[in-house]
PDB file of N, CA and C in Angstrom:
ATOM      1  N   UNK A   1       0.741  -1.113   0.021  1.00  0.00           N
ATOM      2  CA  UNK A   1      -0.020  -0.017   0.033  1.00  0.00           C
ATOM      3  C   UNK A   1       0.885   1.309   0.119  1.00  0.00           C
ATOM      4  N   UNK A   2       0.534   2.146  -0.878  1.00  0.00           N
ATOM      5  CA  UNK A   2       1.323   3.459  -0.972  1.00  0.00           C
ATOM      6  C   UNK A   2       0.796   4.383  -0.076  1.00  0.00           C
ATOM      7  N   UNK A   3       1.630   5.008   0.723  1.00  0.00           N
ATOM      8  CA  UNK A   3       1.211   6.275   1.664  1.00  0.00           C
ATOM      9  C   UNK A   3       1.067   7.531   1.045  1.00  0.00           C
ATOM     10  N   UNK A   4       1.879   7.771  -0.063  1.00  0.00           N
ATOM     11  CA  UNK A   4       1.900   9.064  -0.718  1.00  0.00           C
ATOM     12  C   UNK A   4       2.685   9.036  -2.030  1.00  0.00           C
ATOM     13  N   UNK A   5       2.117   9.960  -2.858  1.00  0.00           N
ATOM     14  CA  UNK A   5       2.811  10.112  -4.281  1.00  0.00           C
ATOM     15  C   UNK A   5       3.335  11.492  -4.274  1.00  0.00           C
ATOM     16  N   UNK A   6       4.516  11.586  -4.729  1.00  0.00           N
ATOM     17  CA  UNK A   6       5.236  12.963  -4.954  1.00  0.00           C
ATOM     18  C   UNK A   6       5.484  13.121  -6.397  1.00  0.00           C
ATOM     19  N   UNK A   7       5.060  14.140  -7.000  1.00  0.00           N
ATOM     20  CA  UNK A   7       5.372  14.359  -8.447  1.00  0.00           C
ATOM     21  C   UNK A   7       6.548  15.421  -8.318  1.00  0.00           C
ATOM     22  N   UNK A   8       7.504  15.196  -9.022  1.00  0.00           N
ATOM     23  CA  UNK A   8       8.768  16.148  -9.042  1.00  0.00           C
ATOM     24  C   UNK A   8       8.744  16.884 -10.329  1.00  0.00           C
ATOM     25  N   UNK A   9       8.690  18.056 -10.312  1.00  0.00           N
ATOM     26  CA  UNK A   9       8.660  18.982 -11.538  1.00  0.00           C
ATOM     27  C   UNK A   9      10.152  19.206 -11.994  1.00  0.00           C
ATOM     28  N   UNK A  10      10.559  19.367 -13.182  1.00  0.00           N
ATOM     29  CA  UNK A  10      11.827  19.585 -13.553  1.00  0.00           C
ATOM     30  C   UNK A  10      11.980  21.172 -13.718  1.00  0.00           C
ATOM     31  N   UNK A  11      11.712  21.779 -12.649  1.00  0.00           N
ATOM     32  CA  UNK A  11      11.926  23.264 -12.648  1.00  0.00           C
ATOM     33  C   UNK A  11      12.077  23.787 -11.096  1.00  0.00           C
ATOM     34  N   UNK A  12      12.495  24.864 -10.860  1.00  0.00           N
ATOM     35  CA  UNK A  12      12.412  25.498  -9.542  1.00  0.00           C
ATOM     36  C   UNK A  12      11.124  26.277  -9.456  1.00  0.00           C
ATOM     37  N   UNK A  13      10.806  26.341  -8.159  1.00  0.00           N
ATOM     38  CA  UNK A  13       9.412  26.968  -7.914  1.00  0.00           C
ATOM     39  C   UNK A  13       9.494  28.423  -7.582  1.00  0.00           C
ATOM     40  N   UNK A  14      10.696  29.011  -7.413  1.00  0.00           N
ATOM     41  CA  UNK A  14      10.867  30.487  -7.152  1.00  0.00           C
ATOM     42  C   UNK A  14      10.362  31.165  -8.346  1.00  0.00           C
ATOM     43  N   UNK A  15      10.104  32.389  -8.121  1.00  0.00           N
ATOM     44  CA  UNK A  15       9.804  33.275  -9.294  1.00  0.00           C
ATOM     45  C   UNK A  15      10.820  33.240 -10.327  1.00  0.00           C
ATOM     46  N   UNK A  16      12.090  33.319 -10.001  1.00  0.00           N
ATOM     47  CA  UNK A  16      13.087  33.403 -11.066  1.00  0.00           C
ATOM     48  C   UNK A  16      13.134  31.980 -11.662  1.00  0.00           C
ATOM     49  N   UNK A  17      12.913  30.941 -10.978  1.00  0.00           N
ATOM     50  CA  UNK A  17      12.925  29.508 -11.338  1.00  0.00           C
ATOM     51  C   UNK A  17      11.833  29.424 -12.381  1.00  0.00           C
ATOM     52  N   UNK A  18      10.656  29.884 -12.110  1.00  0.00           N
ATOM     53  CA  UNK A  18       9.454  29.772 -12.981  1.00  0.00           C
ATOM     54  C   UNK A  18       9.821  30.606 -14.225  1.00  0.00           C
ATOM     55  N   UNK A  19      10.261  31.765 -14.153  1.00  0.00           N
ATOM     56  CA  UNK A  19      10.567  32.631 -15.349  1.00  0.00           C
ATOM     57  C   UNK A  19      11.739  31.876 -16.244  1.00  0.00           C
ATOM     58  N   UNK A  20      12.683  31.346 -15.455  1.00  0.00           N
ATOM     59  CA  UNK A  20      13.655  30.523 -16.455  1.00  0.00           C
ATOM     60  C   UNK A  20      13.026  29.475 -17.091  1.00  0.00           C
ATOM     61  N   UNK A  21      12.243  28.744 -16.463  1.00  0.00           N
ATOM     62  CA  UNK A  21      11.422  27.600 -17.081  1.00  0.00           C
ATOM     63  C   UNK A  21      10.761  27.973 -18.259  1.00  0.00           C
ATOM     64  N   UNK A  22       9.757  29.147 -18.015  1.00  0.00           N
ATOM     65  CA  UNK A  22       9.078  29.661 -19.051  1.00  0.00           C
ATOM     66  C   UNK A  22       9.775  30.120 -20.314  1.00  0.00           C
ATOM     67  N   UNK A  23      10.888  30.778 -20.002  1.00  0.00           N
ATOM     68  CA  UNK A  23      11.850  31.176 -21.152  1.00  0.00           C
ATOM     69  C   UNK A  23      12.424  30.021 -21.825  1.00  0.00           C
ATOM     70  N   UNK A  24      12.855  28.913 -21.082  1.00  0.00           N
ATOM     71  CA  UNK A  24      13.448  27.776 -21.653  1.00  0.00           C
ATOM     72  C   UNK A  24      12.418  27.008 -22.468  1.00  0.00           C
ATOM     73  N   UNK A  25      11.264  27.015 -21.963  1.00  0.00           N
ATOM     74  CA  UNK A  25      10.095  26.251 -22.809  1.00  0.00           C
ATOM     75  C   UNK A  25       9.843  26.839 -24.037  1.00  0.00           C
ATOM     76  N   UNK A  26       9.742  28.342 -24.021  1.00  0.00           N
ATOM     77  CA  UNK A  26       9.628  29.156 -25.236  1.00  0.00           C
ATOM     78  C   UNK A  26      10.681  28.902 -26.322  1.00  0.00           C
ATOM     79  N   UNK A  27      11.926  28.854 -25.787  1.00  0.00           N
ATOM     80  CA  UNK A  27      12.970  28.561 -26.755  1.00  0.00           C
ATOM     81  C   UNK A  27      13.370  27.170 -26.956  1.00  0.00           C
ATOM     82  N   UNK A  28      12.702  26.244 -26.445  1.00  0.00           N
ATOM     83  CA  UNK A  28      12.941  24.708 -26.600  1.00  0.00           C
ATOM     84  C   UNK A  28      14.046  24.310 -25.816  1.00  0.00           C
ATOM     85  N   UNK A  29      14.523  24.991 -24.811  1.00  0.00           N
ATOM     86  CA  UNK A  29      15.786  24.546 -24.010  1.00  0.00           C
ATOM     87  C   UNK A  29      15.197  23.939 -22.686  1.00  0.00           C
ATOM     88  N   UNK A  30      13.939  23.993 -22.394  1.00  0.00           N
ATOM     89  CA  UNK A  30      13.520  23.349 -21.187  1.00  0.00           C
ATOM     90  C   UNK A  30      12.119  22.685 -21.356  1.00  0.00           C
ATOM     91  N   UNK A  31      12.027  21.413 -20.701  1.00  0.00           N
ATOM     92  CA  UNK A  31      10.903  20.734 -20.892  1.00  0.00           C
ATOM     93  C   UNK A  31      10.613  19.997 -19.487  1.00  0.00           C
ATOM     94  N   UNK A  32       9.210  19.867 -19.266  1.00  0.00           N
ATOM     95  CA  UNK A  32       8.775  19.204 -18.139  1.00  0.00           C
ATOM     96  C   UNK A  32       7.402  18.431 -18.394  1.00  0.00           C
ATOM     97  N   UNK A  33       7.373  17.387 -18.734  1.00  0.00           N
ATOM     98  CA  UNK A  33       6.068  16.580 -19.033  1.00  0.00           C
ATOM     99  C   UNK A  33       5.098  16.617 -17.892  1.00  0.00           C
ATOM    100  N   UNK A  34       5.758  16.771 -16.635  1.00  0.00           N
ATOM    101  CA  UNK A  34       4.737  16.733 -15.364  1.00  0.00           C
ATOM    102  C   UNK A  34       3.986  18.108 -15.521  1.00  0.00           C
ATOM    103  N   UNK A  35       4.700  19.178 -15.807  1.00  0.00           N
ATOM    104  CA  UNK A  35       4.273  20.628 -16.008  1.00  0.00           C
ATOM    105  C   UNK A  35       3.043  20.465 -16.993  1.00  0.00           C
ATOM    106  N   UNK A  36       3.447  19.815 -18.070  1.00  0.00           N
ATOM    107  CA  UNK A  36       2.446  19.890 -19.220  1.00  0.00           C
ATOM    108  C   UNK A  36       1.108  19.141 -18.790  1.00  0.00           C
ATOM    109  N   UNK A  37       1.285  18.080 -18.060  1.00  0.00           N
ATOM    110  CA  UNK A  37       0.139  17.382 -17.439  1.00  0.00           C
ATOM    111  C   UNK A  37      -0.735  18.179 -16.502  1.00  0.00           C
ATOM    112  N   UNK A  38       0.034  18.969 -15.516  1.00  0.00           N
ATOM    113  CA  UNK A  38      -0.709  19.567 -14.388  1.00  0.00           C
ATOM    114  C   UNK A  38      -1.083  21.065 -14.715  1.00  0.00           C
ATOM    115  N   UNK A  39      -0.468  21.592 -15.623  1.00  0.00           N
ATOM    116  CA  UNK A  39      -0.847  23.020 -16.030  1.00  0.00           C
ATOM    117  C   UNK A  39      -1.019  23.340 -17.429  1.00  0.00           C
ATOM    118  N   UNK A  40      -1.935  24.338 -17.488  1.00  0.00           N
ATOM    119  CA  UNK A  40      -2.129  24.910 -18.918  1.00  0.00           C
ATOM    120  C   UNK A  40      -1.329  26.124 -19.028  1.00  0.00           C
ATOM    121  N   UNK A  41      -1.698  26.922 -20.117  1.00  0.00           N
ATOM    122  CA  UNK A  41      -0.741  28.199 -20.184  1.00  0.00           C
ATOM    123  C   UNK A  41      -0.770  29.055 -19.045  1.00  0.00           C
ATOM    124  N   UNK A  42      -1.966  29.214 -18.384  1.00  0.00           N
ATOM    125  CA  UNK A  42      -2.031  30.271 -17.216  1.00  0.00           C
ATOM    126  C   UNK A  42      -2.408  29.716 -15.837  1.00  0.00           C
ATOM    127  N   UNK A  43      -2.812  28.432 -15.814  1.00  0.00           N
ATOM    128  CA  UNK A  43      -3.134  27.891 -14.331  1.00  0.00           C
ATOM    129  C   UNK A  43      -3.245  26.510 -14.494  1.00  0.00           C
ATOM    130  N   UNK A  44      -3.505  25.832 -13.308  1.00  0.00           N
ATOM    131  CA  UNK A  44      -3.609  24.414 -13.137  1.00  0.00           C
ATOM    132  C   UNK A  44      -4.778  23.769 -14.078  1.00  0.00           C
ATOM    133  N   UNK A  45      -4.526  22.621 -14.486  1.00  0.00           N
ATOM    134  CA  UNK A  45      -5.737  21.895 -15.217  1.00  0.00           C
ATOM    135  C   UNK A  45      -6.651  21.362 -14.395  1.00  0.00           C
ATOM    136  N   UNK A  46      -7.958  21.530 -14.513  1.00  0.00           N
ATOM    137  CA  UNK A  46      -8.872  20.964 -13.696  1.00  0.00           C
ATOM    138  C   UNK A  46      -9.002  19.394 -13.866  1.00  0.00           C
ATOM    139  N   UNK A  47      -8.746  18.953 -14.925  1.00  0.00           N
ATOM    140  CA  UNK A  47      -8.906  17.388 -15.102  1.00  0.00           C
ATOM    141  C   UNK A  47      -7.689  16.790 -14.154  1.00  0.00           C
ATOM    142  N   UNK A  48      -6.588  17.360 -14.119  1.00  0.00           N
ATOM    143  CA  UNK A  48      -5.518  16.907 -13.117  1.00  0.00           C
ATOM    144  C   UNK A  48      -6.039  16.906 -11.710  1.00  0.00           C
ATOM    145  N   UNK A  49      -6.495  18.108 -11.360  1.00  0.00           N
ATOM    146  CA  UNK A  49      -7.009  18.264  -9.872  1.00  0.00           C
ATOM    147  C   UNK A  49      -8.059  17.278  -9.666  1.00  0.00           C
ATOM    148  N   UNK A  50      -9.041  17.001 -10.587  1.00  0.00           N
ATOM    149  CA  UNK A  50      -9.978  16.182 -10.390  1.00  0.00           C
ATOM    150  C   UNK A  50      -9.675  14.594 -10.265  1.00  0.00           C
ATOM    151  N   UNK A  51      -8.693  14.276 -11.095  1.00  0.00           N
ATOM    152  CA  UNK A  51      -8.191  12.965 -10.954  1.00  0.00           C
ATOM    153  C   UNK A  51      -7.306  12.679  -9.736  1.00  0.00           C
ATOM    154  N   UNK A  52      -6.607  13.830  -9.395  1.00  0.00           N
ATOM    155  CA  UNK A  52      -5.651  13.764  -8.166  1.00  0.00           C
ATOM    156  C   UNK A  52      -6.486  13.577  -6.915  1.00  0.00           C
ATOM    157  N   UNK A  53      -7.675  14.228  -6.910  1.00  0.00           N
ATOM    158  CA  UNK A  53      -8.625  14.195  -5.790  1.00  0.00           C
ATOM    159  C   UNK A  53      -9.310  12.869  -5.693  1.00  0.00           C
ATOM    160  N   UNK A  54      -9.636  12.167  -6.883  1.00  0.00           N
ATOM    161  CA  UNK A  54     -10.261  11.062  -6.941  1.00  0.00           C
ATOM    162  C   UNK A  54      -9.337   9.792  -6.475  1.00  0.00           C
ATOM    163  N   UNK A  55      -8.235  10.066  -6.711  1.00  0.00           N
ATOM    164  CA  UNK A  55      -7.154   8.899  -6.316  1.00  0.00           C
ATOM    165  C   UNK A  55      -7.268   8.835  -4.725  1.00  0.00           C
ATOM    166  N   UNK A  56      -7.231   7.644  -4.288  1.00  0.00           N
ATOM    167  CA  UNK A  56      -7.272   7.427  -2.770  1.00  0.00           C
ATOM    168  C   UNK A  56      -5.947   7.512  -2.139  1.00  0.00           C
ATOM    169  N   UNK A  57      -5.095   8.175  -2.818  1.00  0.00           N
ATOM    170  CA  UNK A  57      -3.600   8.239  -2.161  1.00  0.00           C
ATOM    171  C   UNK A  57      -3.270   9.757  -2.118  1.00  0.00           C
ATOM    172  N   UNK A  58      -2.741  10.165  -1.094  1.00  0.00           N
ATOM    173  CA  UNK A  58      -2.366  11.697  -1.135  1.00  0.00           C
ATOM    174  C   UNK A  58      -1.220  11.878  -2.136  1.00  0.00           C
ATOM    175  N   UNK A  59      -1.276  12.973  -2.898  1.00  0.00           N
ATOM    176  CA  UNK A  59      -0.493  13.284  -4.024  1.00  0.00           C
ATOM    177  C   UNK A  59      -0.032  14.746  -3.927  1.00  0.00           C
ATOM    178  N   UNK A  60       1.165  14.917  -3.879  1.00  0.00           N
ATOM    179  CA  UNK A  60       1.760  16.309  -3.752  1.00  0.00           C
ATOM    180  C   UNK A  60       2.719  16.468  -4.903  1.00  0.00           C
ATOM    181  N   UNK A  61       2.791  17.764  -5.480  1.00  0.00           N
ATOM    182  CA  UNK A  61       3.839  18.005  -6.480  1.00  0.00           C
ATOM    183  C   UNK A  61       4.753  19.020  -5.850  1.00  0.00           C
ATOM    184  N   UNK A  62       6.028  18.807  -6.327  1.00  0.00           N
ATOM    185  CA  UNK A  62       7.171  19.679  -5.623  1.00  0.00           C
ATOM    186  C   UNK A  62       8.083  20.046  -6.855  1.00  0.00           C
ATOM    187  N   UNK A  63       8.651  21.216  -6.731  1.00  0.00           N
ATOM    188  CA  UNK A  63       9.609  21.631  -7.570  1.00  0.00           C
ATOM    189  C   UNK A  63      10.955  21.133  -7.053  1.00  0.00           C
ATOM    190  N   UNK A  64      12.020  21.383  -7.903  1.00  0.00           N
ATOM    191  CA  UNK A  64      13.421  20.893  -7.529  1.00  0.00           C
ATOM    192  C   UNK A  64      13.879  21.620  -6.304  1.00  0.00           C
ATOM    193  N   UNK A  65      13.624  22.932  -6.006  1.00  0.00           N
ATOM    194  CA  UNK A  65      14.076  23.624  -4.918  1.00  0.00           C
ATOM    195  C   UNK A  65      13.218  23.456  -3.723  1.00  0.00           C
ATOM    196  N   UNK A  66      12.215  22.511  -3.810  1.00  0.00           N
ATOM    197  CA  UNK A  66      11.391  22.252  -2.614  1.00  0.00           C
ATOM    198  C   UNK A  66      11.510  20.838  -2.119  1.00  0.00           C
ATOM    199  N   UNK A  67      12.490  19.975  -2.559  1.00  0.00           N
ATOM    200  CA  UNK A  67      12.623  18.733  -2.306  1.00  0.00           C
ATOM    201  C   UNK A  67      13.264  18.536  -0.889  1.00  0.00           C
ATOM    202  N   UNK A  68      12.633  17.686  -0.059  1.00  0.00           N
ATOM    203  CA  UNK A  68      13.263  17.320   1.181  1.00  0.00           C
ATOM    204  C   UNK A  68      14.345  16.419   1.003  1.00  0.00           C
ATOM    205  N   UNK A  69      15.163  16.181   1.914  1.00  0.00           N
ATOM    206  CA  UNK A  69      16.462  15.392   1.708  1.00  0.00           C
ATOM    207  C   UNK A  69      16.199  13.932   1.189  1.00  0.00           C
ATOM    208  N   UNK A  70      15.139  13.369   1.644  1.00  0.00           N
ATOM    209  CA  UNK A  70      14.807  11.984   1.163  1.00  0.00           C
ATOM    210  C   UNK A  70      14.505  11.892  -0.282  1.00  0.00           C
ATOM    211  N   UNK A  71      13.898  13.003  -0.752  1.00  0.00           N
ATOM    212  CA  UNK A  71      13.672  13.056  -2.175  1.00  0.00           C
ATOM    213  C   UNK A  71      14.797  13.550  -3.118  1.00  0.00           C
ATOM    214  N   UNK A  72      15.828  14.038  -2.606  1.00  0.00           N
ATOM    215  CA  UNK A  72      16.968  14.549  -3.297  1.00  0.00           C
ATOM    216  C   UNK A  72      17.589  13.564  -4.410  1.00  0.00           C
ATOM    217  N   UNK A  73      17.588  12.287  -3.972  1.00  0.00           N
ATOM    218  CA  UNK A  73      18.113  11.320  -4.923  1.00  0.00           C
ATOM    219  C   UNK A  73      17.258  11.147  -6.190  1.00  0.00           C
ATOM    220  N   UNK A  74      16.062  11.732  -6.190  1.00  0.00           N
ATOM    221  CA  UNK A  74      15.193  11.555  -7.593  1.00  0.00           C
ATOM    222  C   UNK A  74      15.408  12.960  -8.331  1.00  0.00           C
ATOM    223  N   UNK A  75      16.161  13.914  -7.973  1.00  0.00           N
ATOM    224  CA  UNK A  75      16.360  15.165  -8.632  1.00  0.00           C
ATOM    225  C   UNK A  75      16.786  14.859 -10.146  1.00  0.00           C
ATOM    226  N   UNK A  76      17.635  13.926 -10.315  1.00  0.00           N
ATOM    227  CA  UNK A  76      18.247  13.627 -11.752  1.00  0.00           C
ATOM    228  C   UNK A  76      17.281  12.871 -12.616  1.00  0.00           C
ATOM    229  N   UNK A  77      16.136  12.390 -11.863  1.00  0.00           N
ATOM    230  CA  UNK A  77      15.033  11.631 -12.591  1.00  0.00           C
ATOM    231  C   UNK A  77      13.949  12.646 -13.005  1.00  0.00           C
ATOM    232  N   UNK A  78      13.964  13.896 -12.595  1.00  0.00           N
ATOM    233  CA  UNK A  78      12.868  14.776 -12.866  1.00  0.00           C
ATOM    234  C   UNK A  78      12.728  15.062 -14.276  1.00  0.00           C
ATOM    235  N   UNK A  79      11.442  15.242 -14.715  1.00  0.00           N
ATOM    236  CA  UNK A  79      10.287  15.106 -13.843  1.00  0.00           C
ATOM    237  C   UNK A  79       9.914  13.491 -13.825  1.00  0.00           C
ATOM    238  N   UNK A  80       9.245  13.246 -12.560  1.00  0.00           N
ATOM    239  CA  UNK A  80       8.972  11.857 -12.375  1.00  0.00           C
ATOM    240  C   UNK A  80       7.884  11.946 -11.172  1.00  0.00           C
ATOM    241  N   UNK A  81       7.449  10.733 -10.805  1.00  0.00           N
ATOM    242  CA  UNK A  81       6.615  10.498  -9.649  1.00  0.00           C
ATOM    243  C   UNK A  81       7.062   9.540  -8.837  1.00  0.00           C
ATOM    244  N   UNK A  82       7.223   9.785  -7.517  1.00  0.00           N
ATOM    245  CA  UNK A  82       7.807   8.931  -6.517  1.00  0.00           C
ATOM    246  C   UNK A  82       6.707   8.452  -5.588  1.00  0.00           C
ATOM    247  N   UNK A  83       6.848   7.089  -5.374  1.00  0.00           N
ATOM    248  CA  UNK A  83       5.979   6.478  -4.434  1.00  0.00           C
ATOM    249  C   UNK A  83       6.588   6.264  -3.074  1.00  0.00           C
ATOM    250  N   UNK A  84       5.911   6.814  -2.046  1.00  0.00           N
ATOM    251  CA  UNK A  84       6.276   6.492  -0.695  1.00  0.00           C
ATOM    252  C   UNK A  84       5.628   5.375   0.223  1.00  0.00           C
ATOM    253  N   UNK A  85       6.319   4.519   0.572  1.00  0.00           N
ATOM    254  CA  UNK A  85       5.480   3.334   1.104  1.00  0.00           C
ATOM    255  C   UNK A  85       6.438   2.843   2.465  1.00  0.00           C
ATOM    256  N   UNK A  86       5.881   3.139   3.633  1.00  0.00           N
ATOM    257  CA  UNK A  86       6.630   2.705   4.903  1.00  0.00           C
ATOM    258  C   UNK A  86       7.868   3.221   4.964  1.00  0.00           C
ATOM    259  N   UNK A  87       8.019   4.627   4.672  1.00  0.00           N
ATOM    260  CA  UNK A  87       9.340   5.350   4.630  1.00  0.00           C
ATOM    261  C   UNK A  87      10.342   4.948   3.522  1.00  0.00           C
ATOM    262  N   UNK A  88       9.895   4.162   2.578  1.00  0.00           N
ATOM    263  CA  UNK A  88      10.673   3.635   1.389  1.00  0.00           C
ATOM    264  C   UNK A  88      10.308   4.616   0.282  1.00  0.00           C
ATOM    265  N   UNK A  89      11.257   5.040  -0.425  1.00  0.00           N
ATOM    266  CA  UNK A  89      11.085   5.898  -1.712  1.00  0.00           C
ATOM    267  C   UNK A  89      11.312   5.160  -2.883  1.00  0.00           C
ATOM    268  N   UNK A  90      10.465   5.156  -3.909  1.00  0.00           N
ATOM    269  CA  UNK A  90      10.744   4.459  -5.221  1.00  0.00           C
ATOM    270  C   UNK A  90      10.232   5.276  -6.294  1.00  0.00           C
ATOM    271  N   UNK A  91      10.955   5.061  -7.415  1.00  0.00           N
ATOM    272  CA  UNK A  91      10.340   5.697  -8.581  1.00  0.00           C
ATOM    273  C   UNK A  91       9.203   5.028  -9.233  1.00  0.00           C
ATOM    274  N   UNK A  92       7.977   5.648  -9.332  1.00  0.00           N
ATOM    275  CA  UNK A  92       6.843   4.969  -9.793  1.00  0.00           C
ATOM    276  C   UNK A  92       6.594   5.295 -11.311  1.00  0.00           C
ATOM    277  N   UNK A  93       6.762   6.652 -11.610  1.00  0.00           N
ATOM    278  CA  UNK A  93       6.510   6.863 -13.065  1.00  0.00           C
ATOM    279  C   UNK A  93       7.683   7.849 -13.494  1.00  0.00           C
ATOM    280  N   UNK A  94       8.409   7.211 -14.550  1.00  0.00           N
ATOM    281  CA  UNK A  94       9.531   7.877 -15.104  1.00  0.00           C
ATOM    282  C   UNK A  94       9.324   9.023 -15.956  1.00  0.00           C
ATOM    283  N   UNK A  95      10.302   9.930 -16.387  1.00  0.00           N
ATOM    284  CA  UNK A  95      10.113  11.013 -17.238  1.00  0.00           C
ATOM    285  C   UNK A  95       9.545  10.530 -18.484  1.00  0.00           C
ATOM    286  N   UNK A  96      10.100   9.328 -19.060  1.00  0.00           N
ATOM    287  CA  UNK A  96       9.652   8.934 -20.440  1.00  0.00           C
ATOM    288  C   UNK A  96       8.208   8.525 -20.361  1.00  0.00           C
ATOM    289  N   UNK A  97       7.681   7.877 -19.226  1.00  0.00           N
ATOM    290  CA  UNK A  97       6.349   7.536 -19.102  1.00  0.00           C
ATOM    291  C   UNK A  97       5.502   8.804 -19.079  1.00  0.00           C
ATOM    292  N   UNK A  98       5.902   9.820 -18.338  1.00  0.00           N
ATOM    293  CA  UNK A  98       5.125  11.168 -18.284  1.00  0.00           C
ATOM    294  C   UNK A  98       5.085  11.719 -19.588  1.00  0.00           C
ATOM    295  N   UNK A  99       6.141  11.626 -20.358  1.00  0.00           N
ATOM    296  CA  UNK A  99       6.183  12.185 -21.771  1.00  0.00           C
ATOM    297  C   UNK A  99       5.208  11.692 -22.596  1.00  0.00           C
ATOM    298  N   UNK A 100       5.091  10.182 -22.499  1.00  0.00           N
ATOM    299  CA  UNK A 100       4.195   9.396 -23.315  1.00  0.00           C
ATOM    300  C   UNK A 100       2.728   9.851 -23.136  1.00  0.00           C
ATOM    301  N   UNK A 101       2.407  10.553 -21.863  1.00  0.00           N
ATOM    302  CA  UNK A 101       0.943  10.853 -21.660  1.00  0.00           C
ATOM    303  C   UNK A 101       0.730  12.148 -22.391  1.00  0.00           C
ATOM    304  N   UNK A 102       1.706  12.788 -23.105  1.00  0.00           N
ATOM    305  CA  UNK A 102       1.544  14.001 -23.804  1.00  0.00           C
ATOM    306  C   UNK A 102       0.472  15.044 -23.328  1.00  0.00           C
ATOM    307  N   UNK A 103       0.683  15.449 -22.046  1.00  0.00           N
ATOM    308  CA  UNK A 103      -0.014  16.415 -21.347  1.00  0.00           C
ATOM    309  C   UNK A 103      -1.436  16.047 -20.871  1.00  0.00           C
ATOM    310  N   UNK A 104      -1.802  14.722 -21.002  1.00  0.00           N
ATOM    311  CA  UNK A 104      -3.075  14.176 -20.751  1.00  0.00           C
ATOM    312  C   UNK A 104      -3.132  13.553 -19.398  1.00  0.00           C
ATOM    313  N   UNK A 105      -3.875  14.146 -18.417  1.00  0.00           N
ATOM    314  CA  UNK A 105      -3.956  13.825 -16.998  1.00  0.00           C
ATOM    315  C   UNK A 105      -4.538  12.470 -16.796  1.00  0.00           C
ATOM    316  N   UNK A 106      -5.621  12.148 -17.737  1.00  0.00           N
ATOM    317  CA  UNK A 106      -6.293  10.828 -17.609  1.00  0.00           C
ATOM    318  C   UNK A 106      -5.422   9.717 -17.860  1.00  0.00           C
ATOM    319  N   UNK A 107      -4.325   9.898 -18.817  1.00  0.00           N
ATOM    320  CA  UNK A 107      -3.586   8.905 -19.286  1.00  0.00           C
ATOM    321  C   UNK A 107      -2.441   8.684 -18.071  1.00  0.00           C
ATOM    322  N   UNK A 108      -2.189   9.725 -17.556  1.00  0.00           N
ATOM    323  CA  UNK A 108      -1.121   9.624 -16.350  1.00  0.00           C
ATOM    324  C   UNK A 108      -1.849   8.787 -15.301  1.00  0.00           C
ATOM    325  N   UNK A 109      -3.027   9.114 -14.991  1.00  0.00           N
ATOM    326  CA  UNK A 109      -3.757   8.448 -13.807  1.00  0.00           C
ATOM    327  C   UNK A 109      -4.079   6.989 -14.087  1.00  0.00           C
ATOM    328  N   UNK A 110      -4.082   6.618 -15.421  1.00  0.00           N
ATOM    329  CA  UNK A 110      -4.235   5.143 -15.866  1.00  0.00           C
ATOM    330  C   UNK A 110      -2.876   4.565 -15.661  1.00  0.00           C
ATOM    331  N   UNK A 111      -1.890   5.155 -15.901  1.00  0.00           N
ATOM    332  CA  UNK A 111      -0.581   4.586 -15.654  1.00  0.00           C
ATOM    333  C   UNK A 111      -0.375   4.420 -14.190  1.00  0.00           C
ATOM    334  N   UNK A 112      -0.653   5.321 -13.344  1.00  0.00           N
ATOM    335  CA  UNK A 112      -0.614   5.306 -11.912  1.00  0.00           C
ATOM    336  C   UNK A 112      -1.324   4.158 -11.364  1.00  0.00           C
ATOM    337  N   UNK A 113      -2.684   4.002 -11.855  1.00  0.00           N
ATOM    338  CA  UNK A 113      -3.583   2.977 -11.217  1.00  0.00           C
ATOM    339  C   UNK A 113      -3.225   1.604 -11.617  1.00  0.00           C
ATOM    340  N   UNK A 114      -2.536   1.558 -12.842  1.00  0.00           N
ATOM    341  CA  UNK A 114      -2.039   0.291 -13.377  1.00  0.00           C
ATOM    342  C   UNK A 114      -0.975  -0.266 -12.411  1.00  0.00           C
ATOM    343  N   UNK A 115      -0.173   0.690 -11.739  1.00  0.00           N
ATOM    344  CA  UNK A 115       0.970   0.355 -11.005  1.00  0.00           C
ATOM    345  C   UNK A 115       0.702   0.203  -9.624  1.00  0.00           C
ATOM    346  N   UNK A 116      -0.420   0.778  -9.183  1.00  0.00           N
ATOM    347  CA  UNK A 116      -0.700   0.852  -7.677  1.00  0.00           C
ATOM    348  C   UNK A 116      -1.769  -0.024  -7.131  1.00  0.00           C
ATOM    349  N   UNK A 117      -2.663  -0.323  -8.204  1.00  0.00           N
ATOM    350  CA  UNK A 117      -3.915  -0.989  -7.846  1.00  0.00           C
ATOM    351  C   UNK A 117      -3.812  -2.519  -8.123  1.00  0.00           C
TER     352      UNK A 117
END
């Protein structure tokens, strides 16, 4: 049984970090498949929020500069989703799997459900 899921964005959450990511995205130098799934151009996607709330597992998203020490080892895997179970951390959804979702929250949650249920 999974206690919690943590999505890790491939970006920093500070204002400067967000601006750097946006500039990189516009110039093709930055990419974050998790960002594409969770956010539209100006705000969070409702379909992601709805699926996140419907999942019976707590799910938090963090930026690279928000990672607690136990999550630092997943920094080089970002974007990704980490499962926490009995204080053990494991990679649940890789960056390649997130990219295959092509910004579709429903596809992401199908992948998650297939792995955890």
